[in-house]
Amino acid sequence: MEYHRTKDIIHVMQTLGHKNIGNTLIYTQLINFQNDDYICKTACNLAEASQLIEAGFEYVTEMESYKLFRKRK
């Protein structure tokens, strides 16, 4: 999940404590991201957007003056 979030294999290798990048690559291949489930939320103002970001949501786009956010379940 960390690799999916950061796209930084070296960071993931260090986080997991692996000495060999090959071990880390094995684990990143085991995760299937095709069936991702998300919780979606909207924000109409800066305060609501800040609360969502602090809760771990990521910004996706803006539609009709609403900002859309998502977070993995």
PDB file of N, CA and C in Angstrom:
ATOM      1  N   MET A   1       0.829  -1.186   0.000  1.00  0.00           N
ATOM      2  CA  MET A   1       0.000   0.000   0.000  1.00  0.00           C
ATOM      3  C   MET A   1       0.877   1.256   0.000  1.00  0.00           C
ATOM      4  N   GLU A   2       1.982   1.197   0.715  1.00  0.00           N
ATOM      5  CA  GLU A   2       2.896   2.346   0.748  1.00  0.00           C
ATOM      6  C   GLU A   2       3.467   2.621  -0.637  1.00  0.00           C
ATOM      7  N   TYR A   3       3.774   1.571  -1.368  1.00  0.00           N
ATOM      8  CA  TYR A   3       4.288   1.753  -2.724  1.00  0.00           C
ATOM      9  C   TYR A   3       3.230   2.401  -3.620  1.00  0.00           C
ATOM     10  N   HIS A   4       2.004   1.961  -3.487  1.00  0.00           N
ATOM     11  CA  HIS A   4       0.931   2.536  -4.291  1.00  0.00           C
ATOM     12  C   HIS A   4       0.771   4.021  -3.961  1.00  0.00           C
ATOM     13  N   ARG A   5       0.925   4.368  -2.695  1.00  0.00           N
ATOM     14  CA  ARG A   5       0.758   5.760  -2.266  1.00  0.00           C
ATOM     15  C   ARG A   5       1.908   6.640  -2.729  1.00  0.00           C
ATOM     16  N   THR A   6       3.155   6.159  -2.600  1.00  0.00           N
ATOM     17  CA  THR A   6       4.326   7.000  -2.860  1.00  0.00           C
ATOM     18  C   THR A   6       4.973   6.772  -4.221  1.00  0.00           C
ATOM     19  N   LYS A   7       4.786   5.597  -4.804  1.00  0.00           N
ATOM     20  CA  LYS A   7       5.460   5.209  -6.049  1.00  0.00           C
ATOM     21  C   LYS A   7       6.986   5.256  -5.909  1.00  0.00           C
ATOM     22  N   ASP A   8       7.478   5.049  -4.696  1.00  0.00           N
ATOM     23  CA  ASP A   8       8.915   5.104  -4.397  1.00  0.00           C
ATOM     24  C   ASP A   8       9.352   3.764  -3.818  1.00  0.00           C
ATOM     25  N   ILE A   9       9.901   2.902  -4.672  1.00  0.00           N
ATOM     26  CA  ILE A   9      10.269   1.553  -4.251  1.00  0.00           C
ATOM     27  C   ILE A   9      11.402   1.563  -3.220  1.00  0.00           C
ATOM     28  N   ILE A  10      12.318   2.521  -3.326  1.00  0.00           N
ATOM     29  CA  ILE A  10      13.424   2.613  -2.360  1.00  0.00           C
ATOM     30  C   ILE A  10      12.886   2.964  -0.975  1.00  0.00           C
ATOM     31  N   HIS A  11      11.950   3.882  -0.916  1.00  0.00           N
ATOM     32  CA  HIS A  11      11.322   4.246   0.367  1.00  0.00           C
ATOM     33  C   HIS A  11      10.651   3.027   0.991  1.00  0.00           C
ATOM     34  N   VAL A  12       9.926   2.261   0.166  1.00  0.00           N
ATOM     35  CA  VAL A  12       9.236   1.066   0.665  1.00  0.00           C
ATOM     36  C   VAL A  12      10.250   0.039   1.149  1.00  0.00           C
ATOM     37  N   MET A  13      11.337  -0.150   0.404  1.00  0.00           N
ATOM     38  CA  MET A  13      12.382  -1.095   0.802  1.00  0.00           C
ATOM     39  C   MET A  13      12.938  -0.726   2.175  1.00  0.00           C
ATOM     40  N   GLN A  14      13.209   0.555   2.392  1.00  0.00           N
ATOM     41  CA  GLN A  14      13.740   1.012   3.675  1.00  0.00           C
ATOM     42  C   GLN A  14      12.700   0.884   4.786  1.00  0.00           C
ATOM     43  N   THR A  15      11.443   1.187   4.468  1.00  0.00           N
ATOM     44  CA  THR A  15      10.372   1.086   5.461  1.00  0.00           C
ATOM     45  C   THR A  15      10.188  -0.353   5.933  1.00  0.00           C
ATOM     46  N   LEU A  16      10.274  -1.289   4.994  1.00  0.00           N
ATOM     47  CA  LEU A  16      10.102  -2.701   5.338  1.00  0.00           C
ATOM     48  C   LEU A  16      11.368  -3.322   5.924  1.00  0.00           C
ATOM     49  N   GLY A  17      12.493  -2.613   5.823  1.00  0.00           N
ATOM     50  CA  GLY A  17      13.746  -3.127   6.364  1.00  0.00           C
ATOM     51  C   GLY A  17      14.418  -4.154   5.475  1.00  0.00           C
ATOM     52  N   HIS A  18      14.091  -4.174   4.196  1.00  0.00           N
ATOM     53  CA  HIS A  18      14.716  -5.119   3.278  1.00  0.00           C
ATOM     54  C   HIS A  18      16.108  -4.634   2.881  1.00  0.00           C
ATOM     55  N   LYS A  19      17.027  -5.564   2.762  1.00  0.00           N
ATOM     56  CA  LYS A  19      18.379  -5.239   2.295  1.00  0.00           C
ATOM     57  C   LYS A  19      18.506  -5.461   0.793  1.00  0.00           C
ATOM     58  N   ASN A  20      17.596  -6.255   0.243  1.00  0.00           N
ATOM     59  CA  ASN A  20      17.622  -6.590  -1.179  1.00  0.00           C
ATOM     60  C   ASN A  20      16.346  -6.074  -1.835  1.00  0.00           C
ATOM     61  N   ILE A  21      16.489  -5.257  -2.866  1.00  0.00           N
ATOM     62  CA  ILE A  21      15.330  -4.689  -3.559  1.00  0.00           C
ATOM     63  C   ILE A  21      14.442  -5.767  -4.162  1.00  0.00           C
ATOM     64  N   GLY A  22      15.030  -6.911  -4.479  1.00  0.00           N
ATOM     65  CA  GLY A  22      14.263  -8.026  -5.046  1.00  0.00           C
ATOM     66  C   GLY A  22      13.158  -8.490  -4.112  1.00  0.00           C
ATOM     67  N   ASN A  23      13.449  -8.521  -2.820  1.00  0.00           N
ATOM     68  CA  ASN A  23      12.416  -8.916  -1.846  1.00  0.00           C
ATOM     69  C   ASN A  23      11.261  -7.930  -1.850  1.00  0.00           C
ATOM     70  N   THR A  24      11.574  -6.657  -1.918  1.00  0.00           N
ATOM     71  CA  THR A  24      10.534  -5.626  -1.933  1.00  0.00           C
ATOM     72  C   THR A  24       9.698  -5.739  -3.202  1.00  0.00           C
ATOM     73  N   LEU A  25      10.344  -5.994  -4.331  1.00  0.00           N
ATOM     74  CA  LEU A  25       9.611  -6.124  -5.590  1.00  0.00           C
ATOM     75  C   LEU A  25       8.623  -7.283  -5.548  1.00  0.00           C
ATOM     76  N   ILE A  26       8.988  -8.358  -4.874  1.00  0.00           N
ATOM     77  CA  ILE A  26       8.076  -9.497  -4.734  1.00  0.00           C
ATOM     78  C   ILE A  26       6.793  -9.055  -4.042  1.00  0.00           C
ATOM     79  N   TYR A  27       6.932  -8.308  -2.940  1.00  0.00           N
ATOM     80  CA  TYR A  27       5.762  -7.886  -2.178  1.00  0.00           C
ATOM     81  C   TYR A  27       4.911  -6.878  -2.938  1.00  0.00           C
ATOM     82  N   THR A  28       5.521  -6.001  -3.715  1.00  0.00           N
ATOM     83  CA  THR A  28       4.716  -5.026  -4.455  1.00  0.00           C
ATOM     84  C   THR A  28       3.936  -5.687  -5.585  1.00  0.00           C
ATOM     85  N   GLN A  29       4.384  -6.838  -6.071  1.00  0.00           N
ATOM     86  CA  GLN A  29       3.665  -7.545  -7.121  1.00  0.00           C
ATOM     87  C   GLN A  29       2.482  -8.341  -6.580  1.00  0.00           C
ATOM     88  N   LEU A  30       2.442  -8.581  -5.284  1.00  0.00           N
ATOM     89  CA  LEU A  30       1.371  -9.384  -4.686  1.00  0.00           C
ATOM     90  C   LEU A  30       0.073  -8.614  -4.514  1.00  0.00           C
ATOM     91  N   ILE A  31       0.122  -7.299  -4.585  1.00  0.00           N
ATOM     92  CA  ILE A  31      -1.046  -6.471  -4.320  1.00  0.00           C
ATOM     93  C   ILE A  31      -1.797  -6.215  -5.620  1.00  0.00           C
ATOM     94  N   ASN A  32      -3.092  -6.460  -5.599  1.00  0.00           N
ATOM     95  CA  ASN A  32      -3.943  -6.220  -6.765  1.00  0.00           C
ATOM     96  C   ASN A  32      -4.679  -4.898  -6.558  1.00  0.00           C
ATOM     97  N   PHE A  33      -4.349  -3.884  -7.364  1.00  0.00           N
ATOM     98  CA  PHE A  33      -4.955  -2.569  -7.216  1.00  0.00           C
ATOM     99  C   PHE A  33      -6.134  -2.366  -8.161  1.00  0.00           C
ATOM    100  N   GLN A  34      -6.502  -3.373  -8.918  1.00  0.00           N
ATOM    101  CA  GLN A  34      -7.596  -3.218  -9.876  1.00  0.00           C
ATOM    102  C   GLN A  34      -8.951  -3.144  -9.194  1.00  0.00           C
ATOM    103  N   ASN A  35      -9.106  -3.749  -8.042  1.00  0.00           N
ATOM    104  CA  ASN A  35     -10.390  -3.773  -7.349  1.00  0.00           C
ATOM    105  C   ASN A  35     -10.379  -2.863  -6.126  1.00  0.00           C
ATOM    106  N   ASP A  36      -9.792  -1.688  -6.275  1.00  0.00           N
ATOM    107  CA  ASP A  36      -9.723  -0.757  -5.164  1.00  0.00           C
ATOM    108  C   ASP A  36     -11.100  -0.219  -4.811  1.00  0.00           C
ATOM    109  N   ASP A  37     -11.403  -0.188  -3.527  1.00  0.00           N
ATOM    110  CA  ASP A  37     -12.631   0.415  -3.036  1.00  0.00           C
ATOM    111  C   ASP A  37     -12.262   1.693  -2.312  1.00  0.00           C
ATOM    112  N   TYR A  38     -13.013   2.753  -2.573  1.00  0.00           N
ATOM    113  CA  TYR A  38     -12.739   4.057  -1.991  1.00  0.00           C
ATOM    114  C   TYR A  38     -13.967   4.596  -1.271  1.00  0.00           C
ATOM    115  N   ILE A  39     -13.713   5.421  -0.285  1.00  0.00           N
ATOM    116  CA  ILE A  39     -14.729   6.250   0.343  1.00  0.00           C
ATOM    117  C   ILE A  39     -14.588   7.608  -0.324  1.00  0.00           C
ATOM    118  N   CYS A  40     -15.681   8.169  -0.818  1.00  0.00           N
ATOM    119  CA  CYS A  40     -15.641   9.465  -1.496  1.00  0.00           C
ATOM    120  C   CYS A  40     -16.350  10.512  -0.654  1.00  0.00           C
ATOM    121  N   LYS A  41     -15.781  11.701  -0.603  1.00  0.00           N
ATOM    122  CA  LYS A  41     -16.356  12.827   0.143  1.00  0.00           C
ATOM    123  C   LYS A  41     -16.227  14.084  -0.696  1.00  0.00           C
ATOM    124  N   THR A  42     -17.077  15.069  -0.408  1.00  0.00           N
ATOM    125  CA  THR A  42     -17.003  16.361  -1.091  1.00  0.00           C
ATOM    126  C   THR A  42     -16.761  17.465  -0.066  1.00  0.00           C
ATOM    127  N   ALA A  43     -16.167  18.543  -0.541  1.00  0.00           N
ATOM    128  CA  ALA A  43     -15.936  19.720   0.296  1.00  0.00           C
ATOM    129  C   ALA A  43     -16.388  20.949  -0.474  1.00  0.00           C
ATOM    130  N   CYS A  44     -17.084  21.850   0.224  1.00  0.00           N
ATOM    131  CA  CYS A  44     -17.543  23.083  -0.432  1.00  0.00           C
ATOM    132  C   CYS A  44     -16.688  24.281  -0.049  1.00  0.00           C
ATOM    133  N   ASN A  45     -15.877  24.133   0.998  1.00  0.00           N
ATOM    134  CA  ASN A  45     -15.053  25.271   1.407  1.00  0.00           C
ATOM    135  C   ASN A  45     -13.695  24.788   1.913  1.00  0.00           C
ATOM    136  N   LEU A  46     -12.851  25.745   2.219  1.00  0.00           N
ATOM    137  CA  LEU A  46     -11.487  25.437   2.636  1.00  0.00           C
ATOM    138  C   LEU A  46     -11.436  24.643   3.938  1.00  0.00           C
ATOM    139  N   ALA A  47     -12.295  24.966   4.886  1.00  0.00           N
ATOM    140  CA  ALA A  47     -12.304  24.255   6.172  1.00  0.00           C
ATOM    141  C   ALA A  47     -12.651  22.784   5.987  1.00  0.00           C
ATOM    142  N   GLU A  48     -13.660  22.500   5.163  1.00  0.00           N
ATOM    143  CA  GLU A  48     -14.045  21.101   4.920  1.00  0.00           C
ATOM    144  C   GLU A  48     -12.938  20.354   4.185  1.00  0.00           C
ATOM    145  N   ALA A  49     -12.303  21.007   3.215  1.00  0.00           N
ATOM    146  CA  ALA A  49     -11.201  20.378   2.487  1.00  0.00           C
ATOM    147  C   ALA A  49     -10.041  20.071   3.421  1.00  0.00           C
ATOM    148  N   SER A  50      -9.726  20.988   4.312  1.00  0.00           N
ATOM    149  CA  SER A  50      -8.642  20.770   5.278  1.00  0.00           C
ATOM    150  C   SER A  50      -8.943  19.589   6.182  1.00  0.00           C
ATOM    151  N   GLN A  51     -10.172  19.483   6.642  1.00  0.00           N
ATOM    152  CA  GLN A  51     -10.559  18.365   7.515  1.00  0.00           C
ATOM    153  C   GLN A  51     -10.410  17.028   6.786  1.00  0.00           C
ATOM    154  N   LEU A  52     -10.807  16.989   5.517  1.00  0.00           N
ATOM    155  CA  LEU A  52     -10.695  15.748   4.761  1.00  0.00           C
ATOM    156  C   LEU A  52      -9.239  15.356   4.543  1.00  0.00           C
ATOM    157  N   ILE A  53      -8.406  16.323   4.235  1.00  0.00           N
ATOM    158  CA  ILE A  53      -6.982  16.023   4.036  1.00  0.00           C
ATOM    159  C   ILE A  53      -6.364  15.534   5.336  1.00  0.00           C
ATOM    160  N   GLU A  54      -6.707  16.159   6.449  1.00  0.00           N
ATOM    161  CA  GLU A  54      -6.191  15.722   7.755  1.00  0.00           C
ATOM    162  C   GLU A  54      -6.677  14.327   8.110  1.00  0.00           C
ATOM    163  N   ALA A  55      -7.831  13.925   7.577  1.00  0.00           N
ATOM    164  CA  ALA A  55      -8.384  12.589   7.830  1.00  0.00           C
ATOM    165  C   ALA A  55      -7.824  11.545   6.866  1.00  0.00           C
ATOM    166  N   GLY A  56      -6.895  11.957   5.987  1.00  0.00           N
ATOM    167  CA  GLY A  56      -6.250  10.996   5.103  1.00  0.00           C
ATOM    168  C   GLY A  56      -6.837  10.903   3.709  1.00  0.00           C
ATOM    169  N   PHE A  57      -7.762  11.776   3.366  1.00  0.00           N
ATOM    170  CA  PHE A  57      -8.337  11.774   2.027  1.00  0.00           C
ATOM    171  C   PHE A  57      -7.387  12.470   1.064  1.00  0.00           C
ATOM    172  N   GLU A  58      -7.429  12.060  -0.201  1.00  0.00           N
ATOM    173  CA  GLU A  58      -6.617  12.707  -1.228  1.00  0.00           C
ATOM    174  C   GLU A  58      -7.530  13.437  -2.200  1.00  0.00           C
ATOM    175  N   TYR A  59      -7.073  14.595  -2.650  1.00  0.00           N
ATOM    176  CA  TYR A  59      -7.837  15.404  -3.594  1.00  0.00           C
ATOM    177  C   TYR A  59      -7.860  14.727  -4.957  1.00  0.00           C
ATOM    178  N   VAL A  60      -9.040  14.711  -5.603  1.00  0.00           N
ATOM    179  CA  VAL A  60      -9.174  14.090  -6.909  1.00  0.00           C
ATOM    180  C   VAL A  60      -9.422  15.148  -7.988  1.00  0.00           C
ATOM    181  N   THR A  61     -10.504  15.928  -7.837  1.00  0.00           N
ATOM    182  CA  THR A  61     -10.858  16.925  -8.856  1.00  0.00           C
ATOM    183  C   THR A  61     -11.898  17.888  -8.296  1.00  0.00           C
ATOM    184  N   GLU A  62     -12.274  18.840  -9.105  1.00  0.00           N
ATOM    185  CA  GLU A  62     -13.328  19.779  -8.728  1.00  0.00           C
ATOM    186  C   GLU A  62     -14.439  19.718  -9.765  1.00  0.00           C
ATOM    187  N   MET A  63     -15.692  19.704  -9.273  1.00  0.00           N
ATOM    188  CA  MET A  63     -16.867  19.661 -10.144  1.00  0.00           C
ATOM    189  C   MET A  63     -17.937  20.579  -9.579  1.00  0.00           C
ATOM    190  N   GLU A  64     -18.424  21.493 -10.397  1.00  0.00           N
ATOM    191  CA  GLU A  64     -19.512  22.382  -9.989  1.00  0.00           C
ATOM    192  C   GLU A  64     -19.233  23.038  -8.641  1.00  0.00           C
ATOM    193  N   SER A  65     -18.059  23.556  -8.476  1.00  0.00           N
ATOM    194  CA  SER A  65     -17.575  24.255  -7.268  1.00  0.00           C
ATOM    195  C   SER A  65     -17.435  23.357  -6.036  1.00  0.00           C
ATOM    196  N   TYR A  66     -17.524  22.034  -6.200  1.00  0.00           N
ATOM    197  CA  TYR A  66     -17.268  21.087  -5.112  1.00  0.00           C
ATOM    198  C   TYR A  66     -15.930  20.415  -5.370  1.00  0.00           C
ATOM    199  N   LYS A  67     -15.170  20.238  -4.325  1.00  0.00           N
ATOM    200  CA  LYS A  67     -13.911  19.506  -4.430  1.00  0.00           C
ATOM    201  C   LYS A  67     -14.172  18.065  -4.021  1.00  0.00           C
ATOM    202  N   LEU A  68     -13.712  17.121  -4.845  1.00  0.00           N
ATOM    203  CA  LEU A  68     -13.933  15.711  -4.582  1.00  0.00           C
ATOM    204  C   LEU A  68     -12.662  15.078  -4.025  1.00  0.00           C
ATOM    205  N   PHE A  69     -12.832  14.268  -2.983  1.00  0.00           N
ATOM    206  CA  PHE A  69     -11.740  13.594  -2.307  1.00  0.00           C
ATOM    207  C   PHE A  69     -12.043  12.105  -2.219  1.00  0.00           C
ATOM    208  N   ARG A  70     -10.989  11.308  -2.078  1.00  0.00           N
ATOM    209  CA  ARG A  70     -11.185   9.870  -1.896  1.00  0.00           C
ATOM    210  C   ARG A  70     -10.140   9.326  -0.921  1.00  0.00           C
ATOM    211  N   LYS A  71     -10.510   8.182  -0.322  1.00  0.00           N
ATOM    212  CA  LYS A  71      -9.602   7.472   0.597  1.00  0.00           C
ATOM    213  C   LYS A  71      -9.909   5.998   0.476  1.00  0.00           C
ATOM    214  N   ARG A  72      -8.882   5.188   0.496  1.00  0.00           N
ATOM    215  CA  ARG A  72      -9.088   3.732   0.434  1.00  0.00           C
ATOM    216  C   ARG A  72      -9.867   3.259   1.654  1.00  0.00           C
ATOM    217  N   LYS A  73     -10.726   2.254   1.409  1.00  0.00           N
ATOM    218  CA  LYS A  73     -11.469   1.641   2.521  1.00  0.00           C
ATOM    219  C   LYS A  73     -10.536   0.811   3.343  1.00  0.00           C
TER     220      LYS A  73
END
